């Protein structure tokens, strides 16, 4: 299983617009990805309700994970998006 631990870079956390950006990026990854707070229950990263339900705040650690083939690169891109609070998924890491 591939896993990335990263602190949320959006000051407002994973709420509203940042959550929408993240969910679109997770869906675009084309592989199943889960997201959780450190030590929490994982939820589907492509689910807006799941991501909002985490209540992840700015600076809080989250865990991205996937069992899929090719997960390393996808998780690197998603981790960069979250850590840097980007407005769109980076093409390269």
N, C-alpha and C. Protein backbone atom coordinates (compact mmCIF):
# COMPACT_ATOMS: atom_id res chain seq x y z
N UNK A 1 0.83 -1.17 0.00
CA UNK A 1 0.00 0.00 0.00
C UNK A 1 0.88 1.25 0.00
N UNK A 2 0.59 2.16 -0.89
CA UNK A 2 1.29 3.44 -0.95
C UNK A 2 0.58 4.42 -0.03
N UNK A 3 1.36 5.25 0.64
CA UNK A 3 0.78 6.19 1.60
C UNK A 3 1.59 7.47 1.63
N UNK A 4 0.91 8.59 1.80
CA UNK A 4 1.56 9.88 1.97
C UNK A 4 0.93 10.58 3.16
N UNK A 5 1.76 11.10 4.05
CA UNK A 5 1.30 11.91 5.17
C UNK A 5 1.67 13.35 4.85
N UNK A 6 0.71 14.24 4.97
CA UNK A 6 0.94 15.62 4.57
C UNK A 6 0.08 16.55 5.43
N UNK A 7 0.58 17.76 5.66
CA UNK A 7 -0.20 18.76 6.39
C UNK A 7 -0.98 19.60 5.39
N UNK A 8 -2.22 19.89 5.74
CA UNK A 8 -3.11 20.66 4.87
C UNK A 8 -2.58 22.08 4.72
N UNK A 9 -2.33 22.50 3.47
CA UNK A 9 -1.75 23.80 3.18
C UNK A 9 -2.76 24.92 3.02
N UNK A 10 -4.02 24.60 2.85
CA UNK A 10 -5.04 25.64 2.74
C UNK A 10 -5.35 26.16 4.13
N UNK A 11 -5.28 27.47 4.34
CA UNK A 11 -5.53 28.05 5.66
C UNK A 11 -6.90 27.66 6.20
N UNK A 12 -7.90 27.58 5.30
CA UNK A 12 -9.27 27.25 5.73
C UNK A 12 -9.49 25.75 5.84
N UNK A 13 -8.45 24.97 5.59
CA UNK A 13 -8.58 23.52 5.67
C UNK A 13 -9.27 22.95 4.45
N UNK A 14 -9.70 21.70 4.55
CA UNK A 14 -10.39 21.04 3.43
C UNK A 14 -11.89 21.32 3.50
N UNK A 15 -12.26 22.56 3.25
CA UNK A 15 -13.64 22.98 3.28
C UNK A 15 -13.98 23.70 1.98
N UNK A 16 -15.23 23.59 1.56
CA UNK A 16 -15.75 24.30 0.39
C UNK A 16 -14.84 24.20 -0.84
N UNK A 17 -14.26 25.32 -1.26
CA UNK A 17 -13.47 25.34 -2.50
C UNK A 17 -12.26 24.39 -2.46
N UNK A 18 -11.43 24.41 -1.41
CA UNK A 18 -10.31 23.47 -1.39
C UNK A 18 -10.75 22.00 -1.45
N UNK A 19 -11.84 21.68 -0.79
CA UNK A 19 -12.34 20.29 -0.83
C UNK A 19 -12.78 19.94 -2.24
N UNK A 20 -13.41 20.88 -2.92
CA UNK A 20 -13.85 20.65 -4.30
C UNK A 20 -12.65 20.43 -5.22
N UNK A 21 -11.62 21.23 -5.06
CA UNK A 21 -10.39 21.08 -5.86
C UNK A 21 -9.77 19.72 -5.60
N UNK A 22 -9.68 19.34 -4.33
CA UNK A 22 -9.08 18.06 -3.97
C UNK A 22 -9.88 16.89 -4.52
N UNK A 23 -11.19 16.91 -4.38
CA UNK A 23 -12.04 15.81 -4.86
C UNK A 23 -11.92 15.66 -6.37
N UNK A 24 -11.92 16.76 -7.10
CA UNK A 24 -11.74 16.68 -8.56
C UNK A 24 -10.39 16.07 -8.91
N UNK A 25 -9.36 16.45 -8.18
CA UNK A 25 -8.02 15.91 -8.44
C UNK A 25 -7.97 14.42 -8.10
N UNK A 26 -8.58 14.03 -7.00
CA UNK A 26 -8.60 12.61 -6.60
C UNK A 26 -9.35 11.78 -7.63
N UNK A 27 -10.44 12.31 -8.15
CA UNK A 27 -11.22 11.62 -9.19
C UNK A 27 -10.40 11.50 -10.46
N UNK A 28 -9.71 12.58 -10.83
CA UNK A 28 -8.89 12.59 -12.04
C UNK A 28 -7.70 11.64 -11.95
N UNK A 29 -7.30 11.27 -10.74
CA UNK A 29 -6.17 10.36 -10.57
C UNK A 29 -6.46 9.01 -11.22
N UNK A 30 -7.73 8.65 -11.32
CA UNK A 30 -8.12 7.42 -12.01
C UNK A 30 -7.86 6.13 -11.22
N UNK A 31 -7.52 6.28 -9.95
CA UNK A 31 -7.32 5.12 -9.08
C UNK A 31 -8.05 5.37 -7.77
N UNK A 32 -8.42 4.32 -7.05
CA UNK A 32 -9.06 4.54 -5.76
C UNK A 32 -8.05 5.06 -4.73
N UNK A 33 -8.41 6.17 -4.10
CA UNK A 33 -7.56 6.79 -3.09
C UNK A 33 -8.42 7.04 -1.85
N UNK A 34 -7.84 6.82 -0.67
CA UNK A 34 -8.54 7.17 0.55
C UNK A 34 -7.82 8.32 1.22
N UNK A 35 -8.56 9.05 2.05
CA UNK A 35 -8.01 10.16 2.83
C UNK A 35 -8.53 10.01 4.24
N UNK A 36 -7.67 10.33 5.20
CA UNK A 36 -8.08 10.29 6.60
C UNK A 36 -7.25 11.28 7.39
N UNK A 37 -7.77 11.63 8.57
CA UNK A 37 -6.93 12.36 9.51
C UNK A 37 -5.97 11.33 10.07
N UNK A 38 -4.83 11.76 10.54
CA UNK A 38 -3.86 10.84 11.13
C UNK A 38 -4.54 10.07 12.25
N UNK A 39 -4.54 8.73 12.14
CA UNK A 39 -5.17 7.88 13.13
C UNK A 39 -6.67 7.73 12.99
N UNK A 40 -7.25 8.37 11.97
CA UNK A 40 -8.70 8.32 11.78
C UNK A 40 -9.13 7.27 10.78
N UNK A 41 -10.43 7.19 10.56
CA UNK A 41 -11.01 6.25 9.61
C UNK A 41 -10.91 6.81 8.19
N UNK A 42 -10.35 6.03 7.25
CA UNK A 42 -10.23 6.51 5.87
C UNK A 42 -11.59 6.61 5.17
N UNK A 43 -11.71 7.61 4.30
CA UNK A 43 -12.89 7.77 3.46
C UNK A 43 -12.44 7.89 2.01
N UNK A 44 -13.34 7.68 1.10
CA UNK A 44 -13.08 7.80 -0.33
C UNK A 44 -12.69 9.24 -0.66
N UNK A 45 -11.50 9.43 -1.21
CA UNK A 45 -11.01 10.78 -1.53
C UNK A 45 -11.79 11.42 -2.67
N UNK A 46 -12.55 10.64 -3.43
CA UNK A 46 -13.34 11.18 -4.53
C UNK A 46 -14.76 11.53 -4.09
N UNK A 47 -15.05 11.45 -2.80
CA UNK A 47 -16.37 11.76 -2.26
C UNK A 47 -16.35 13.12 -1.57
N UNK A 48 -17.09 14.07 -2.11
CA UNK A 48 -17.14 15.41 -1.53
C UNK A 48 -17.66 15.34 -0.09
N UNK A 49 -18.71 14.57 0.13
CA UNK A 49 -19.25 14.47 1.49
C UNK A 49 -18.25 13.83 2.45
N UNK A 50 -17.53 12.82 1.96
CA UNK A 50 -16.52 12.17 2.79
C UNK A 50 -15.41 13.12 3.18
N UNK A 51 -14.91 13.87 2.20
CA UNK A 51 -13.81 14.81 2.45
C UNK A 51 -14.27 15.93 3.39
N UNK A 52 -15.45 16.48 3.15
CA UNK A 52 -15.96 17.53 4.03
C UNK A 52 -16.18 17.00 5.43
N UNK A 53 -16.63 15.75 5.52
CA UNK A 53 -16.90 15.13 6.82
C UNK A 53 -15.67 14.94 7.68
N UNK A 54 -14.49 14.94 7.07
CA UNK A 54 -13.25 14.83 7.84
C UNK A 54 -13.04 16.03 8.76
N UNK A 55 -13.46 17.19 8.29
CA UNK A 55 -13.25 18.40 9.07
C UNK A 55 -11.78 18.75 9.23
N UNK A 56 -10.97 18.43 8.22
CA UNK A 56 -9.52 18.69 8.29
C UNK A 56 -9.26 20.19 8.25
N UNK A 57 -8.51 20.66 9.23
CA UNK A 57 -8.19 22.07 9.36
C UNK A 57 -6.83 22.37 8.73
N UNK A 58 -6.58 23.65 8.43
CA UNK A 58 -5.29 24.07 7.91
C UNK A 58 -4.17 23.67 8.86
N UNK A 59 -3.11 23.07 8.34
CA UNK A 59 -1.97 22.65 9.14
C UNK A 59 -2.12 21.26 9.75
N UNK A 60 -3.31 20.70 9.71
CA UNK A 60 -3.55 19.37 10.28
C UNK A 60 -3.02 18.28 9.36
N UNK A 61 -2.49 17.21 9.95
CA UNK A 61 -1.95 16.11 9.15
C UNK A 61 -3.06 15.20 8.64
N UNK A 62 -2.97 14.87 7.34
CA UNK A 62 -3.88 13.90 6.75
C UNK A 62 -3.05 12.79 6.12
N UNK A 63 -3.71 11.67 5.86
CA UNK A 63 -3.04 10.52 5.26
C UNK A 63 -3.77 10.17 3.96
N UNK A 64 -3.03 10.13 2.86
CA UNK A 64 -3.54 9.69 1.57
C UNK A 64 -3.00 8.29 1.32
N UNK A 65 -3.86 7.38 0.85
CA UNK A 65 -3.40 6.00 0.64
C UNK A 65 -4.11 5.36 -0.54
N UNK A 66 -3.45 4.36 -1.14
CA UNK A 66 -4.03 3.60 -2.24
C UNK A 66 -3.29 2.28 -2.40
N UNK A 67 -4.05 1.25 -2.78
CA UNK A 67 -3.48 -0.06 -3.08
C UNK A 67 -3.24 -0.24 -4.58
N UNK A 68 -3.70 0.70 -5.38
CA UNK A 68 -3.70 0.55 -6.84
C UNK A 68 -2.30 0.63 -7.43
N UNK A 69 -2.16 -0.01 -8.59
CA UNK A 69 -0.92 0.11 -9.35
C UNK A 69 -0.80 1.55 -9.84
N UNK A 70 0.38 2.10 -9.78
CA UNK A 70 0.58 3.49 -10.20
C UNK A 70 0.23 4.49 -9.12
N UNK A 71 0.00 4.02 -7.91
CA UNK A 71 -0.44 4.90 -6.83
C UNK A 71 0.64 5.88 -6.40
N UNK A 72 1.90 5.50 -6.48
CA UNK A 72 2.99 6.36 -6.01
C UNK A 72 2.94 7.75 -6.66
N UNK A 73 2.88 7.79 -7.97
CA UNK A 73 2.87 9.06 -8.69
C UNK A 73 1.60 9.85 -8.40
N UNK A 74 0.46 9.17 -8.38
CA UNK A 74 -0.81 9.85 -8.11
C UNK A 74 -0.81 10.45 -6.71
N UNK A 75 -0.33 9.70 -5.73
CA UNK A 75 -0.29 10.20 -4.36
C UNK A 75 0.70 11.35 -4.22
N UNK A 76 1.80 11.31 -4.95
CA UNK A 76 2.74 12.43 -4.94
C UNK A 76 2.06 13.71 -5.42
N UNK A 77 1.31 13.61 -6.51
CA UNK A 77 0.62 14.79 -7.05
C UNK A 77 -0.45 15.30 -6.07
N UNK A 78 -1.22 14.39 -5.50
CA UNK A 78 -2.26 14.80 -4.55
C UNK A 78 -1.64 15.40 -3.29
N UNK A 79 -0.56 14.81 -2.81
CA UNK A 79 0.11 15.34 -1.62
C UNK A 79 0.64 16.75 -1.86
N UNK A 80 1.20 16.97 -3.04
CA UNK A 80 1.70 18.31 -3.39
C UNK A 80 0.55 19.32 -3.42
N UNK A 81 -0.56 18.92 -4.01
CA UNK A 81 -1.74 19.77 -4.08
C UNK A 81 -2.17 20.19 -2.68
N UNK A 82 -2.28 19.23 -1.78
CA UNK A 82 -2.75 19.49 -0.41
C UNK A 82 -1.72 20.30 0.38
N UNK A 83 -0.47 19.90 0.34
CA UNK A 83 0.57 20.55 1.14
C UNK A 83 0.77 22.01 0.75
N UNK A 84 0.68 22.29 -0.53
CA UNK A 84 0.95 23.65 -1.01
C UNK A 84 -0.31 24.48 -1.17
N UNK A 85 -1.49 23.86 -0.94
CA UNK A 85 -2.73 24.60 -1.07
C UNK A 85 -2.94 25.15 -2.47
N UNK A 86 -2.59 24.33 -3.46
CA UNK A 86 -2.67 24.76 -4.86
C UNK A 86 -4.12 24.88 -5.34
N UNK A 87 -4.32 25.61 -6.39
CA UNK A 87 -5.65 25.80 -6.97
C UNK A 87 -5.99 24.74 -8.01
N UNK A 88 -5.00 23.97 -8.44
CA UNK A 88 -5.24 22.89 -9.40
C UNK A 88 -4.16 21.83 -9.25
N UNK A 89 -4.44 20.65 -9.73
CA UNK A 89 -3.51 19.54 -9.63
C UNK A 89 -2.28 19.79 -10.47
N UNK A 90 -1.09 19.68 -9.88
CA UNK A 90 0.13 19.88 -10.67
C UNK A 90 0.32 18.75 -11.67
N UNK A 91 0.84 19.07 -12.83
CA UNK A 91 1.07 18.07 -13.86
C UNK A 91 2.26 17.18 -13.51
N UNK A 92 3.27 17.80 -12.90
CA UNK A 92 4.46 17.05 -12.50
C UNK A 92 4.77 17.37 -11.05
N UNK A 93 5.53 16.50 -10.45
CA UNK A 93 5.89 16.69 -9.04
C UNK A 93 7.31 17.20 -8.96
